[in-house]
């Protein structure tokens, strides 16, 4: 599939590679420029990605511009063992892998990944294993590893942090403090574990409260109210008051029993 949000730059292999059913989006960095990578792919058959996103070092006109090189229903050889089910996105860094993505690049990534998820039914979640489904980055499972045969840091620690803190939360729909702290803690969480965690959260929340913390505060206040209500003169605690009240009840029962016996 070729998409309207991208500038179409089909490679000779764009419609001749084996067909695939995408279930993962893998983000890369070019260690170079958008136009340079375009020329590299055209000169070197057998190496390609589906998309490339320009950056500020490519010039203001190309910052955030998306090139599409390959039909997303076709294999692109950039992800080793994931080539049979992955859509790959290259990002321009001007040869500096430590350079963060620009605001325009971040916006382009979020829009592109969202469109890919919607069109191909790719789950909006962090990929939890190398043969799984969802969103990831090139060295996510090691380097060398199942997605790359060589040692590298692609797309680099700075950009991986941007994926966790900005790009993936925006695509998944995570907002607030959880997004600000990053979502690395979700990398190892399976779909079933996420379902169980949600069920626990809901189970701990009672009507009239919005979170387990608010629930605990409400219950604590109710306990304090009960404790205050059952305190009686001459006692110093709820437990002592209860014992005194229990003794009174026992005395009343004994008196009732004694009246019955006299009758």
C-alpha atoms as a PDB file:
ATOM      1  CA  UNK A   1       0.000   0.000   0.000  1.00  0.00           C
ATOM      2  CA  UNK A   2       1.235   3.486  -0.871  1.00  0.00           C
ATOM      3  CA  UNK A   3      -0.037   6.332   1.336  1.00  0.00           C
ATOM      4  CA  UNK A   4      -1.025   9.914   0.530  1.00  0.00           C
ATOM      5  CA  UNK A   5       0.876  11.388   3.489  1.00  0.00           C
ATOM      6  CA  UNK A   6       4.189  10.332   1.889  1.00  0.00           C
ATOM      7  CA  UNK A   7       6.116  11.492  -1.170  1.00  0.00           C
ATOM      8  CA  UNK A   8       6.197   8.477  -3.480  1.00  0.00           C
ATOM      9  CA  UNK A   9       9.755   7.353  -4.294  1.00  0.00           C
ATOM     10  CA  UNK A  10       9.274   3.690  -5.272  1.00  0.00           C
ATOM     11  CA  UNK A  11      12.379   1.548  -5.582  1.00  0.00           C
ATOM     12  CA  UNK A  12      12.671  -1.060  -8.355  1.00  0.00           C
ATOM     13  CA  UNK A  13      11.794  -3.744  -5.734  1.00  0.00           C
ATOM     14  CA  UNK A  14       8.684  -1.870  -4.529  1.00  0.00           C
ATOM     15  CA  UNK A  15       6.254  -4.221  -6.248  1.00  0.00           C
ATOM     16  CA  UNK A  16       8.420  -7.278  -6.909  1.00  0.00           C
ATOM     17  CA  UNK A  17       9.421  -8.341  -3.396  1.00  0.00           C
ATOM     18  CA  UNK A  18       7.530 -11.145  -1.664  1.00  0.00           C
ATOM     19  CA  UNK A  19       4.185 -10.137  -0.206  1.00  0.00           C
ATOM     20  CA  UNK A  20       3.899  -9.763   3.569  1.00  0.00           C
ATOM     21  CA  UNK A  21       1.231  -9.143   6.192  1.00  0.00           C
ATOM     22  CA  UNK A  22       2.647  -6.401   8.453  1.00  0.00           C
ATOM     23  CA  UNK A  23       2.190  -6.774  12.205  1.00  0.00           C
ATOM     24  CA  UNK A  24       5.164  -4.746  13.526  1.00  0.00           C
ATOM     25  CA  UNK A  25       6.461  -1.207  12.923  1.00  0.00           C
ATOM     26  CA  UNK A  26      10.246  -0.928  13.426  1.00  0.00           C
ATOM     27  CA  UNK A  27      11.904   2.503  13.660  1.00  0.00           C
ATOM     28  CA  UNK A  28      15.498   3.069  12.463  1.00  0.00           C
ATOM     29  CA  UNK A  29      17.975   5.914  12.103  1.00  0.00           C
ATOM     30  CA  UNK A  30      19.840   6.459   8.826  1.00  0.00           C
ATOM     31  CA  UNK A  31      23.213   7.655  10.145  1.00  0.00           C
ATOM     32  CA  UNK A  32      22.965   9.934   7.148  1.00  0.00           C
ATOM     33  CA  UNK A  33      20.614  12.082   5.110  1.00  0.00           C
ATOM     34  CA  UNK A  34      17.253  11.442   3.494  1.00  0.00           C
ATOM     35  CA  UNK A  35      18.473  12.046  -0.055  1.00  0.00           C
ATOM     36  CA  UNK A  36      21.703  10.123   0.574  1.00  0.00           C
ATOM     37  CA  UNK A  37      19.759   7.120   1.857  1.00  0.00           C
ATOM     38  CA  UNK A  38      17.444   7.342  -1.144  1.00  0.00           C
ATOM     39  CA  UNK A  39      20.471   7.097  -3.470  1.00  0.00           C
ATOM     40  CA  UNK A  40      21.992   4.257  -1.428  1.00  0.00           C
ATOM     41  CA  UNK A  41      18.828   2.170  -1.739  1.00  0.00           C
ATOM     42  CA  UNK A  42      18.726   2.770  -5.488  1.00  0.00           C
ATOM     43  CA  UNK A  43      22.373   1.737  -5.964  1.00  0.00           C
ATOM     44  CA  UNK A  44      22.356  -1.273  -3.645  1.00  0.00           C
ATOM     45  CA  UNK A  45      19.706  -3.870  -4.420  1.00  0.00           C
ATOM     46  CA  UNK A  46      18.720  -6.124  -1.526  1.00  0.00           C
ATOM     47  CA  UNK A  47      18.721  -3.334   1.060  1.00  0.00           C
ATOM     48  CA  UNK A  48      15.679  -1.116   1.539  1.00  0.00           C
ATOM     49  CA  UNK A  49      13.154   0.283   4.011  1.00  0.00           C
ATOM     50  CA  UNK A  50       9.526   1.149   3.474  1.00  0.00           C
ATOM     51  CA  UNK A  51       9.752   4.786   4.610  1.00  0.00           C
ATOM     52  CA  UNK A  52      12.230   7.563   5.329  1.00  0.00           C
ATOM     53  CA  UNK A  53      11.645  10.765   7.298  1.00  0.00           C
ATOM     54  CA  UNK A  54      13.778  13.844   6.647  1.00  0.00           C
ATOM     55  CA  UNK A  55      15.316  15.968   9.371  1.00  0.00           C
ATOM     56  CA  UNK A  56      16.578  19.525   9.882  1.00  0.00           C
ATOM     57  CA  UNK A  57      20.034  18.671   8.513  1.00  0.00           C
ATOM     58  CA  UNK A  58      18.356  17.877   5.168  1.00  0.00           C
ATOM     59  CA  UNK A  59      17.143  21.459   4.965  1.00  0.00           C
ATOM     60  CA  UNK A  60      13.971  23.162   6.149  1.00  0.00           C
ATOM     61  CA  UNK A  61      11.988  21.903   3.142  1.00  0.00           C
ATOM     62  CA  UNK A  62      12.670  18.243   4.002  1.00  0.00           C
ATOM     63  CA  UNK A  63      12.400  18.378   7.805  1.00  0.00           C
ATOM     64  CA  UNK A  64       9.523  16.025   8.641  1.00  0.00           C
ATOM     65  CA  UNK A  65       8.909  15.041   4.998  1.00  0.00           C
ATOM     66  CA  UNK A  66       8.085  11.358   4.513  1.00  0.00           C
ATOM     67  CA  UNK A  67       9.439   9.367   1.543  1.00  0.00           C
ATOM     68  CA  UNK A  68       7.833   6.020   0.749  1.00  0.00           C
ATOM     69  CA  UNK A  69      10.170   3.620  -1.023  1.00  0.00           C
ATOM     70  CA  UNK A  70       8.323   0.312  -0.757  1.00  0.00           C
ATOM     71  CA  UNK A  71       4.739  -0.964  -0.914  1.00  0.00           C
ATOM     72  CA  UNK A  72       3.906  -1.871   2.708  1.00  0.00           C
ATOM     73  CA  UNK A  73       2.391  -5.152   1.480  1.00  0.00           C
ATOM     74  CA  UNK A  74       5.866  -6.069   0.189  1.00  0.00           C
ATOM     75  CA  UNK A  75       8.972  -7.169   2.051  1.00  0.00           C
ATOM     76  CA  UNK A  76      11.708  -4.591   2.769  1.00  0.00           C
ATOM     77  CA  UNK A  77      15.088  -6.018   3.761  1.00  0.00           C
ATOM     78  CA  UNK A  78      16.040  -3.897   6.758  1.00  0.00           C
ATOM     79  CA  UNK A  79      14.984  -5.997   9.751  1.00  0.00           C
ATOM     80  CA  UNK A  80      16.655  -9.443   9.393  1.00  0.00           C
ATOM     81  CA  UNK A  81      14.284 -12.054  10.894  1.00  0.00           C
ATOM     82  CA  UNK A  82      11.387  -9.563  11.020  1.00  0.00           C
ATOM     83  CA  UNK A  83      11.449  -8.774   7.282  1.00  0.00           C
ATOM     84  CA  UNK A  84       8.545 -11.145   6.690  1.00  0.00           C
ATOM     85  CA  UNK A  85       6.156  -9.140   8.912  1.00  0.00           C
ATOM     86  CA  UNK A  86       7.635  -5.679   9.596  1.00  0.00           C
ATOM     87  CA  UNK A  87       7.209  -2.192   8.192  1.00  0.00           C
ATOM     88  CA  UNK A  88      10.447  -0.222   8.568  1.00  0.00           C
ATOM     89  CA  UNK A  89      10.825   3.541   9.006  1.00  0.00           C
ATOM     90  CA  UNK A  90      14.218   5.223   8.525  1.00  0.00           C
ATOM     91  CA  UNK A  91      14.867   8.656  10.069  1.00  0.00           C
ATOM     92  CA  UNK A  92      17.442  11.215   9.018  1.00  0.00           C
ATOM     93  CA  UNK A  93      20.073  12.237  11.591  1.00  0.00           C
ATOM     94  CA  UNK A  94      22.715  14.024   9.485  1.00  0.00           C
ATOM     95  CA  UNK A  95      25.247  11.328  10.352  1.00  0.00           C
ATOM     96  CA  UNK A  96      24.892  11.885  14.106  1.00  0.00           C
ATOM     97  CA  UNK A  97      23.038   9.016  15.764  1.00  0.00           C
ATOM     98  CA  UNK A  98      22.915  10.959  19.058  1.00  0.00           C
ATOM     99  CA  UNK A  99      20.911  13.824  17.519  1.00  0.00           C
ATOM    100  CA  UNK A 100      17.319  13.936  18.810  1.00  0.00           C
ATOM    101  CA  UNK A 101      14.435  14.003  16.364  1.00  0.00           C
ATOM    102  CA  UNK A 102      13.099  17.444  15.543  1.00  0.00           C
ATOM    103  CA  UNK A 103       9.485  18.390  16.396  1.00  0.00           C
ATOM    104  CA  UNK A 104       8.555  17.907  12.729  1.00  0.00           C
ATOM    105  CA  UNK A 105      10.135  14.457  12.683  1.00  0.00           C
ATOM    106  CA  UNK A 106       8.282  13.486  15.847  1.00  0.00           C
ATOM    107  CA  UNK A 107       4.997  14.665  14.338  1.00  0.00           C
ATOM    108  CA  UNK A 108       5.690  12.737  11.118  1.00  0.00           C
ATOM    109  CA  UNK A 109       6.497   9.565  13.061  1.00  0.00           C
ATOM    110  CA  UNK A 110       3.326   9.783  15.137  1.00  0.00           C
ATOM    111  CA  UNK A 111       1.124  10.393  12.080  1.00  0.00           C
ATOM    112  CA  UNK A 112       2.775   7.686   9.983  1.00  0.00           C
ATOM    113  CA  UNK A 113       2.744   5.001  12.671  1.00  0.00           C
ATOM    114  CA  UNK A 114      -0.907   5.782  13.438  1.00  0.00           C
ATOM    115  CA  UNK A 115      -1.866   5.392   9.777  1.00  0.00           C
ATOM    116  CA  UNK A 116       0.051   2.098   9.523  1.00  0.00           C
ATOM    117  CA  UNK A 117      -1.639   0.727  12.640  1.00  0.00           C
ATOM    118  CA  UNK A 118      -5.075   1.660  11.321  1.00  0.00           C
ATOM    119  CA  UNK A 119      -4.537   0.346   7.789  1.00  0.00           C
ATOM    120  CA  UNK A 120      -2.785  -2.935   8.621  1.00  0.00           C
ATOM    121  CA  UNK A 121      -4.434  -3.637  11.979  1.00  0.00           C
ATOM    122  CA  UNK A 122      -1.101  -3.417  13.813  1.00  0.00           C
ATOM    123  CA  UNK A 123      -1.732  -3.358  17.587  1.00  0.00           C
ATOM    124  CA  UNK A 124      -1.066   0.017  19.241  1.00  0.00           C
ATOM    125  CA  UNK A 125       1.219  -1.449  21.898  1.00  0.00           C
ATOM    126  CA  UNK A 126       4.913  -2.057  22.546  1.00  0.00           C
ATOM    127  CA  UNK A 127       6.108  -5.248  20.882  1.00  0.00           C
ATOM    128  CA  UNK A 128       6.839  -7.813  23.624  1.00  0.00           C
ATOM    129  CA  UNK A 129       8.856 -10.345  21.634  1.00  0.00           C
ATOM    130  CA  UNK A 130      10.873 -10.492  18.414  1.00  0.00           C
ATOM    131  CA  UNK A 131       8.239 -12.514  16.551  1.00  0.00           C
ATOM    132  CA  UNK A 132       5.309 -10.651  18.087  1.00  0.00           C
ATOM    133  CA  UNK A 133       3.264  -7.638  17.018  1.00  0.00           C
ATOM    134  CA  UNK A 134       3.162  -3.948  17.837  1.00  0.00           C
ATOM    135  CA  UNK A 135       5.701  -1.119  17.869  1.00  0.00           C
ATOM    136  CA  UNK A 136       9.478  -1.314  18.254  1.00  0.00           C
ATOM    137  CA  UNK A 137      12.928  -0.092  17.263  1.00  0.00           C
ATOM    138  CA  UNK A 138      15.825  -1.754  15.432  1.00  0.00           C
ATOM    139  CA  UNK A 139      17.945  -2.947  18.394  1.00  0.00           C
ATOM    140  CA  UNK A 140      14.984  -3.628  20.677  1.00  0.00           C
ATOM    141  CA  UNK A 141      15.916  -7.300  21.116  1.00  0.00           C
ATOM    142  CA  UNK A 142      19.692  -6.986  20.966  1.00  0.00           C
ATOM    143  CA  UNK A 143      22.475  -6.151  18.510  1.00  0.00           C
ATOM    144  CA  UNK A 144      23.423  -8.559  17.119  1.00  0.00           C
ATOM    145  CA  UNK A 145      19.931  -9.910  17.581  1.00  0.00           C
ATOM    146  CA  UNK A 146      16.855 -11.165  15.734  1.00  0.00           C
ATOM    147  CA  UNK A 147      16.255  -7.833  14.003  1.00  0.00           C
ATOM    148  CA  UNK A 148      19.876  -6.920  13.158  1.00  0.00           C
ATOM    149  CA  UNK A 149      22.961  -9.048  12.433  1.00  0.00           C
ATOM    150  CA  UNK A 150      25.515  -6.479  13.645  1.00  0.00           C
ATOM    151  CA  UNK A 151      26.401  -4.496  16.765  1.00  0.00           C
ATOM    152  CA  UNK A 152      24.741  -1.058  16.711  1.00  0.00           C
ATOM    153  CA  UNK A 153      22.486   1.217  18.799  1.00  0.00           C
ATOM    154  CA  UNK A 154      19.930   2.126  16.095  1.00  0.00           C
ATOM    155  CA  UNK A 155      18.061   4.433  16.427  1.00  0.00           C
ATOM    156  CA  UNK A 156      20.288   5.547  19.331  1.00  0.00           C
ATOM    157  CA  UNK A 157      19.611   6.018  23.069  1.00  0.00           C
ATOM    158  CA  UNK A 158      18.335   9.595  22.689  1.00  0.00           C
ATOM    159  CA  UNK A 159      15.823   8.608  20.030  1.00  0.00           C
ATOM    160  CA  UNK A 160      14.778   5.429  21.801  1.00  0.00           C
ATOM    161  CA  UNK A 161      13.928   7.645  24.785  1.00  0.00           C
ATOM    162  CA  UNK A 162      11.845   9.854  22.458  1.00  0.00           C
ATOM    163  CA  UNK A 163       9.979   6.783  21.228  1.00  0.00           C
ATOM    164  CA  UNK A 164       9.171   5.741  24.796  1.00  0.00           C
ATOM    165  CA  UNK A 165       8.354   9.190  26.131  1.00  0.00           C
ATOM    166  CA  UNK A 166       6.695  10.888  23.154  1.00  0.00           C
ATOM    167  CA  UNK A 167       6.048   8.888  19.986  1.00  0.00           C
ATOM    168  CA  UNK A 168       4.648   5.610  21.276  1.00  0.00           C
ATOM    169  CA  UNK A 169       2.514   7.186  24.041  1.00  0.00           C
ATOM    170  CA  UNK A 170       0.966   9.475  21.415  1.00  0.00           C
ATOM    171  CA  UNK A 171       0.226   6.526  19.106  1.00  0.00           C
ATOM    172  CA  UNK A 172      -1.041   4.277  21.906  1.00  0.00           C
ATOM    173  CA  UNK A 173      -3.048   7.033  23.574  1.00  0.00           C
ATOM    174  CA  UNK A 174      -1.139   7.172  26.886  1.00  0.00           C
ATOM    175  CA  UNK A 175      -1.298  10.606  28.513  1.00  0.00           C
ATOM    176  CA  UNK A 176      -0.400  12.293  31.779  1.00  0.00           C
ATOM    177  CA  UNK A 177       2.375  11.273  34.200  1.00  0.00           C
ATOM    178  CA  UNK A 178       2.642   7.755  32.770  1.00  0.00           C
ATOM    179  CA  UNK A 179       3.666   9.173  29.400  1.00  0.00           C
ATOM    180  CA  UNK A 180       6.050  11.681  30.959  1.00  0.00           C
ATOM    181  CA  UNK A 181       7.916   8.971  32.855  1.00  0.00           C
ATOM    182  CA  UNK A 182       8.318   6.896  29.712  1.00  0.00           C
ATOM    183  CA  UNK A 183       6.685   3.561  28.941  1.00  0.00           C
ATOM    184  CA  UNK A 184       9.694   1.280  29.135  1.00  0.00           C
ATOM    185  CA  UNK A 185       8.072  -0.515  32.040  1.00  0.00           C
ATOM    186  CA  UNK A 186       5.441  -1.816  29.628  1.00  0.00           C
ATOM    187  CA  UNK A 187       7.986  -3.470  27.305  1.00  0.00           C
ATOM    188  CA  UNK A 188       7.852  -6.788  29.171  1.00  0.00           C
ATOM    189  CA  UNK A 189       4.115  -6.770  29.849  1.00  0.00           C
ATOM    190  CA  UNK A 190       2.039  -9.220  27.830  1.00  0.00           C
ATOM    191  CA  UNK A 191      -1.509  -8.484  26.700  1.00  0.00           C
ATOM    192  CA  UNK A 192      -2.864 -10.912  29.322  1.00  0.00           C
ATOM    193  CA  UNK A 193      -0.825  -9.256  32.091  1.00  0.00           C
ATOM    194  CA  UNK A 194      -2.133  -5.857  31.009  1.00  0.00           C
ATOM    195  CA  UNK A 195      -5.696  -7.209  31.138  1.00  0.00           C
ATOM    196  CA  UNK A 196      -5.135  -8.611  34.635  1.00  0.00           C
ATOM    197  CA  UNK A 197      -3.604  -5.344  35.848  1.00  0.00           C
ATOM    198  CA  UNK A 198      -6.598  -3.404  34.536  1.00  0.00           C
ATOM    199  CA  UNK A 199      -8.981  -5.828  36.279  1.00  0.00           C
ATOM    200  CA  UNK A 200      -7.113  -5.412  39.571  1.00  0.00           C
ATOM    201  CA  UNK A 201      -7.205  -1.623  39.217  1.00  0.00           C
ATOM    202  CA  UNK A 202     -10.941  -1.701  38.568  1.00  0.00           C
ATOM    203  CA  UNK A 203     -11.507  -4.133  41.446  1.00  0.00           C
ATOM    204  CA  UNK A 204      -9.737  -1.847  43.886  1.00  0.00           C
ATOM    205  CA  UNK A 205     -11.802   1.164  42.861  1.00  0.00           C
ATOM    206  CA  UNK A 206     -15.242   1.607  44.481  1.00  0.00           C
ATOM    207  CA  UNK A 207     -18.182   3.682  43.320  1.00  0.00           C
ATOM    208  CA  UNK A 208     -17.685   7.380  43.899  1.00  0.00           C
ATOM    209  CA  UNK A 209     -13.875   7.238  43.536  1.00  0.00           C
ATOM    210  CA  UNK A 210     -11.585   7.480  40.508  1.00  0.00           C
ATOM    211  CA  UNK A 211      -8.580   5.440  41.638  1.00  0.00           C
ATOM    212  CA  UNK A 212      -7.442   2.860  44.215  1.00  0.00           C
ATOM    213  CA  UNK A 213      -5.662   5.639  46.111  1.00  0.00           C
ATOM    214  CA  UNK A 214      -8.869   7.662  46.364  1.00  0.00           C
ATOM    215  CA  UNK A 215     -10.699   4.472  47.380  1.00  0.00           C
ATOM    216  CA  UNK A 216      -8.240   3.839  50.232  1.00  0.00           C
ATOM    217  CA  UNK A 217      -8.579   7.413  51.436  1.00  0.00           C
ATOM    218  CA  UNK A 218     -12.377   7.064  51.458  1.00  0.00           C
ATOM    219  CA  UNK A 219     -12.282   3.727  53.284  1.00  0.00           C
ATOM    220  CA  UNK A 220      -9.815   5.075  55.825  1.00  0.00           C
ATOM    221  CA  UNK A 221     -12.126   8.004  56.537  1.00  0.00           C
ATOM    222  CA  UNK A 222     -15.075   5.647  56.924  1.00  0.00           C
ATOM    223  CA  UNK A 223     -13.117   3.516  59.396  1.00  0.00           C
ATOM    224  CA  UNK A 224     -12.191   6.645  61.368  1.00  0.00           C
ATOM    225  CA  UNK A 225     -15.872   7.662  61.426  1.00  0.00           C
ATOM    226  CA  UNK A 226     -16.891   4.211  62.696  1.00  0.00           C
ATOM    227  CA  UNK A 227     -14.141   4.311  65.294  1.00  0.00           C
ATOM    228  CA  UNK A 228     -15.339   7.720  66.505  1.00  0.00           C
ATOM    229  CA  UNK A 229     -18.967   6.569  66.552  1.00  0.00           C
ATOM    230  CA  UNK A 230     -18.410   3.548  68.773  1.00  0.00           C
ATOM    231  CA  UNK A 231     -16.188   5.280  71.324  1.00  0.00           C
ATOM    232  CA  UNK A 232     -18.063   5.540  74.642  1.00  0.00           C
ATOM    233  CA  UNK A 233     -17.346   7.536  77.798  1.00  0.00           C
ATOM    234  CA  UNK A 234     -14.761   5.885  80.004  1.00  0.00           C
ATOM    235  CA  UNK A 235     -12.900   4.194  77.114  1.00  0.00           C
ATOM    236  CA  UNK A 236      -9.780   5.267  75.223  1.00  0.00           C
ATOM    237  CA  UNK A 237     -10.075   3.239  72.005  1.00  0.00           C
ATOM    238  CA  UNK A 238     -12.610   1.632  69.689  1.00  0.00           C
ATOM    239  CA  UNK A 239     -11.486  -1.809  70.830  1.00  0.00           C
ATOM    240  CA  UNK A 240     -12.025  -0.931  74.500  1.00  0.00           C
ATOM    241  CA  UNK A 241     -15.397   0.620  73.660  1.00  0.00           C
ATOM    242  CA  UNK A 242     -16.436  -2.492  71.775  1.00  0.00           C
ATOM    243  CA  UNK A 243     -15.453  -4.732  74.682  1.00  0.00           C
ATOM    244  CA  UNK A 244     -17.419  -2.540  77.102  1.00  0.00           C
ATOM    245  CA  UNK A 245     -20.462  -2.543  74.833  1.00  0.00           C
ATOM    246  CA  UNK A 246     -20.182  -6.306  74.430  1.00  0.00           C
ATOM    247  CA  UNK A 247     -20.100  -6.709  78.227  1.00  0.00           C
ATOM    248  CA  UNK A 248     -23.259  -4.571  78.463  1.00  0.00           C
ATOM    249  CA  UNK A 249     -24.997  -6.730  75.876  1.00  0.00           C
ATOM    250  CA  UNK A 250     -24.005  -9.857  77.794  1.00  0.00           C
ATOM    251  CA  UNK A 251     -25.369  -8.292  81.013  1.00  0.00           C
ATOM    252  CA  UNK A 252     -28.659  -7.510  79.262  1.00  0.00           C
ATOM    253  CA  UNK A 253     -28.867 -11.086  77.991  1.00  0.00           C
ATOM    254  CA  UNK A 254     -28.202 -12.421  81.491  1.00  0.00           C
ATOM    255  CA  UNK A 255     -30.899 -10.153  82.940  1.00  0.00           C
ATOM    256  CA  UNK A 256     -33.412 -11.330  80.323  1.00  0.00           C
ATOM    257  CA  UNK A 257     -32.540 -14.954  81.099  1.00  0.00           C
ATOM    258  CA  UNK A 258     -32.959 -14.349  84.829  1.00  0.00           C
ATOM    259  CA  UNK A 259     -36.409 -12.773  84.282  1.00  0.00           C
ATOM    260  CA  UNK A 260     -37.447 -15.789  82.238  1.00  0.00           C
ATOM    261  CA  UNK A 261     -36.362 -18.136  84.998  1.00  0.00           C
ATOM    262  CA  UNK A 262     -38.371 -16.184  87.615  1.00  0.00           C
ATOM    263  CA  UNK A 263     -41.541 -16.223  85.517  1.00  0.00           C
END
